[in-house]
Amino acid sequence: MATRSLERDLERARADHTSELETLNERNRQEISETKKKQWCYDCEAEAIYWCCWNAAYCSTECQQAHWSREHKKNCKRPVRRGDRERGEEGVRHSIKSSN
């Protein structure tokens, strides 16, 4: 009799465990999906709120300026505006656009 009781308890625990795992897996899938929809700062990997070109997004102007000076200036594919080129103002000030 005690063995059957233990077997029932074990089965109940397995069912609870399986249900909890399914719930956690679904929550994990949802969180991954939401994370993939966000852009991340190229410099520090925080959530980005600004973008420069198709390949660079930033959480702050500080991160954008650091990355610009370090390497992005050489590789940026964002077209330079005519007025900026005429004034010699290519670079940091005009490379950030809000993503909102």
C-alpha atoms as a PDB file:
ATOM      1  CA  MET A   1       0.000   0.000   0.000  1.00  0.00           C
ATOM      2  CA  ALA A   2       2.768   2.442   0.865  1.00  0.00           C
ATOM      3  CA  THR A   3       4.481   1.670  -2.438  1.00  0.00           C
ATOM      4  CA  ARG A   4       1.359   2.543  -4.442  1.00  0.00           C
ATOM      5  CA  SER A   5       0.994   5.786  -2.550  1.00  0.00           C
ATOM      6  CA  LEU A   6       4.608   6.668  -3.299  1.00  0.00           C
ATOM      7  CA  GLU A   7       4.120   5.766  -6.980  1.00  0.00           C
ATOM      8  CA  ARG A   8       1.065   8.057  -7.194  1.00  0.00           C
ATOM      9  CA  ASP A   9       3.007  10.860  -5.509  1.00  0.00           C
ATOM     10  CA  LEU A  10       5.864  10.338  -7.937  1.00  0.00           C
ATOM     11  CA  GLU A  11       3.526  10.442 -10.945  1.00  0.00           C
ATOM     12  CA  ARG A  12       1.885  13.610  -9.620  1.00  0.00           C
ATOM     13  CA  ALA A  13       5.305  15.210  -9.108  1.00  0.00           C
ATOM     14  CA  ARG A  14       6.347  14.235 -12.668  1.00  0.00           C
ATOM     15  CA  ALA A  15       3.161  15.736 -14.099  1.00  0.00           C
ATOM     16  CA  ASP A  16       3.683  18.954 -12.120  1.00  0.00           C
ATOM     17  CA  HIS A  17       7.297  19.090 -13.238  1.00  0.00           C
ATOM     18  CA  THR A  18       6.357  18.556 -16.891  1.00  0.00           C
ATOM     19  CA  SER A  19       3.710  21.273 -16.687  1.00  0.00           C
ATOM     20  CA  GLU A  20       6.147  23.700 -15.062  1.00  0.00           C
ATOM     21  CA  LEU A  21       8.779  22.980 -17.727  1.00  0.00           C
ATOM     22  CA  GLU A  22       6.255  23.647 -20.508  1.00  0.00           C
ATOM     23  CA  THR A  23       5.300  26.956 -18.878  1.00  0.00           C
ATOM     24  CA  LEU A  24       8.948  27.992 -18.490  1.00  0.00           C
ATOM     25  CA  ASN A  25       9.782  26.989 -22.069  1.00  0.00           C
ATOM     26  CA  GLU A  26       6.888  29.067 -23.413  1.00  0.00           C
ATOM     27  CA  ARG A  27       7.932  32.072 -21.331  1.00  0.00           C
ATOM     28  CA  ASN A  28      11.497  31.643 -22.584  1.00  0.00           C
ATOM     29  CA  ARG A  29      10.309  31.534 -26.233  1.00  0.00           C
ATOM     30  CA  GLN A  30       8.296  34.730 -25.700  1.00  0.00           C
ATOM     31  CA  GLU A  31      11.223  36.544 -24.087  1.00  0.00           C
ATOM     32  CA  ILE A  32      13.573  35.494 -26.881  1.00  0.00           C
ATOM     33  CA  SER A  33      11.065  36.690 -29.458  1.00  0.00           C
ATOM     34  CA  GLU A  34      10.767  40.095 -27.764  1.00  0.00           C
ATOM     35  CA  THR A  35      14.544  40.385 -27.442  1.00  0.00           C
ATOM     36  CA  LYS A  36      15.064  39.647 -31.130  1.00  0.00           C
ATOM     37  CA  LYS A  37      12.712  42.501 -32.041  1.00  0.00           C
ATOM     38  CA  LYS A  38      14.949  45.055 -30.316  1.00  0.00           C
ATOM     39  CA  GLN A  39      18.123  46.651 -31.563  1.00  0.00           C
ATOM     40  CA  TRP A  40      21.199  46.720 -29.369  1.00  0.00           C
ATOM     41  CA  CYS A  41      23.934  49.301 -28.931  1.00  0.00           C
ATOM     42  CA  TYR A  42      26.923  48.468 -31.082  1.00  0.00           C
ATOM     43  CA  ASP A  43      29.264  49.838 -28.428  1.00  0.00           C
ATOM     44  CA  CYS A  44      27.936  48.584 -25.054  1.00  0.00           C
ATOM     45  CA  GLU A  45      25.087  46.180 -26.009  1.00  0.00           C
ATOM     46  CA  ALA A  46      22.387  48.066 -24.070  1.00  0.00           C
ATOM     47  CA  GLU A  47      19.037  48.550 -25.803  1.00  0.00           C
ATOM     48  CA  ALA A  48      19.506  51.022 -28.646  1.00  0.00           C
ATOM     49  CA  ILE A  49      17.354  54.098 -29.180  1.00  0.00           C
ATOM     50  CA  TYR A  50      19.364  55.759 -31.978  1.00  0.00           C
ATOM     51  CA  TRP A  51      20.600  54.480 -35.294  1.00  0.00           C
ATOM     52  CA  CYS A  52      23.235  55.709 -37.693  1.00  0.00           C
ATOM     53  CA  CYS A  53      23.083  53.427 -40.706  1.00  0.00           C
ATOM     54  CA  TRP A  54      21.747  49.951 -41.418  1.00  0.00           C
ATOM     55  CA  ASN A  55      24.549  48.372 -39.413  1.00  0.00           C
ATOM     56  CA  ALA A  56      24.933  50.569 -36.314  1.00  0.00           C
ATOM     57  CA  ALA A  57      22.551  51.459 -33.498  1.00  0.00           C
ATOM     58  CA  TYR A  58      23.336  53.078 -30.146  1.00  0.00           C
ATOM     59  CA  CYS A  59      21.899  53.627 -26.681  1.00  0.00           C
ATOM     60  CA  SER A  60      23.412  57.106 -26.305  1.00  0.00           C
ATOM     61  CA  THR A  61      25.344  59.781 -28.137  1.00  0.00           C
ATOM     62  CA  GLU A  62      28.359  58.901 -25.980  1.00  0.00           C
ATOM     63  CA  CYS A  63      28.423  55.339 -27.329  1.00  0.00           C
ATOM     64  CA  GLN A  64      27.846  56.572 -30.875  1.00  0.00           C
ATOM     65  CA  GLN A  65      30.702  59.068 -30.617  1.00  0.00           C
ATOM     66  CA  ALA A  66      33.062  56.487 -29.111  1.00  0.00           C
ATOM     67  CA  HIS A  67      32.307  53.964 -31.857  1.00  0.00           C
ATOM     68  CA  TRP A  68      32.432  56.661 -34.557  1.00  0.00           C
ATOM     69  CA  SER A  69      35.889  57.794 -33.502  1.00  0.00           C
ATOM     70  CA  ARG A  70      37.181  54.260 -33.014  1.00  0.00           C
ATOM     71  CA  GLU A  71      36.029  52.646 -36.280  1.00  0.00           C
ATOM     72  CA  HIS A  72      32.566  53.397 -37.661  1.00  0.00           C
ATOM     73  CA  LYS A  73      33.649  56.592 -39.435  1.00  0.00           C
ATOM     74  CA  LYS A  74      35.727  54.455 -41.831  1.00  0.00           C
ATOM     75  CA  ASN A  75      32.915  51.995 -42.611  1.00  0.00           C
ATOM     76  CA  CYS A  76      29.668  53.974 -42.361  1.00  0.00           C
ATOM     77  CA  LYS A  77      27.387  53.470 -45.359  1.00  0.00           C
ATOM     78  CA  ARG A  78      25.062  56.352 -44.543  1.00  0.00           C
ATOM     79  CA  PRO A  79      24.995  58.892 -47.377  1.00  0.00           C
ATOM     80  CA  VAL A  80      26.453  62.283 -46.523  1.00  0.00           C
ATOM     81  CA  ARG A  81      23.990  65.135 -46.998  1.00  0.00           C
ATOM     82  CA  ARG A  82      25.020  67.753 -49.541  1.00  0.00           C
ATOM     83  CA  GLY A  83      24.883  70.672 -47.079  1.00  0.00           C
ATOM     84  CA  ASP A  84      27.013  68.732 -44.592  1.00  0.00           C
ATOM     85  CA  ARG A  85      29.681  67.980 -47.184  1.00  0.00           C
ATOM     86  CA  GLU A  86      29.821  71.604 -48.305  1.00  0.00           C
ATOM     87  CA  ARG A  87      30.326  72.734 -44.698  1.00  0.00           C
ATOM     88  CA  GLY A  88      32.807  69.925 -44.021  1.00  0.00           C
ATOM     89  CA  GLU A  89      30.495  68.515 -41.334  1.00  0.00           C
ATOM     90  CA  GLU A  90      30.636  64.823 -42.030  1.00  0.00           C
ATOM     91  CA  GLY A  91      30.488  62.696 -38.934  1.00  0.00           C
ATOM     92  CA  VAL A  92      29.240  62.500 -35.414  1.00  0.00           C
ATOM     93  CA  ARG A  93      26.739  65.332 -35.139  1.00  0.00           C
ATOM     94  CA  HIS A  94      24.700  64.263 -38.151  1.00  0.00           C
ATOM     95  CA  SER A  95      25.067  60.519 -37.967  1.00  0.00           C
ATOM     96  CA  ILE A  96      22.473  59.871 -35.237  1.00  0.00           C
ATOM     97  CA  LYS A  97      18.774  59.614 -35.990  1.00  0.00           C
ATOM     98  CA  SER A  98      16.149  58.605 -33.477  1.00  0.00           C
ATOM     99  CA  SER A  99      14.521  55.233 -34.148  1.00  0.00           C
ATOM    100  CA  ASN A 100      11.186  56.403 -32.722  1.00  0.00           C
END
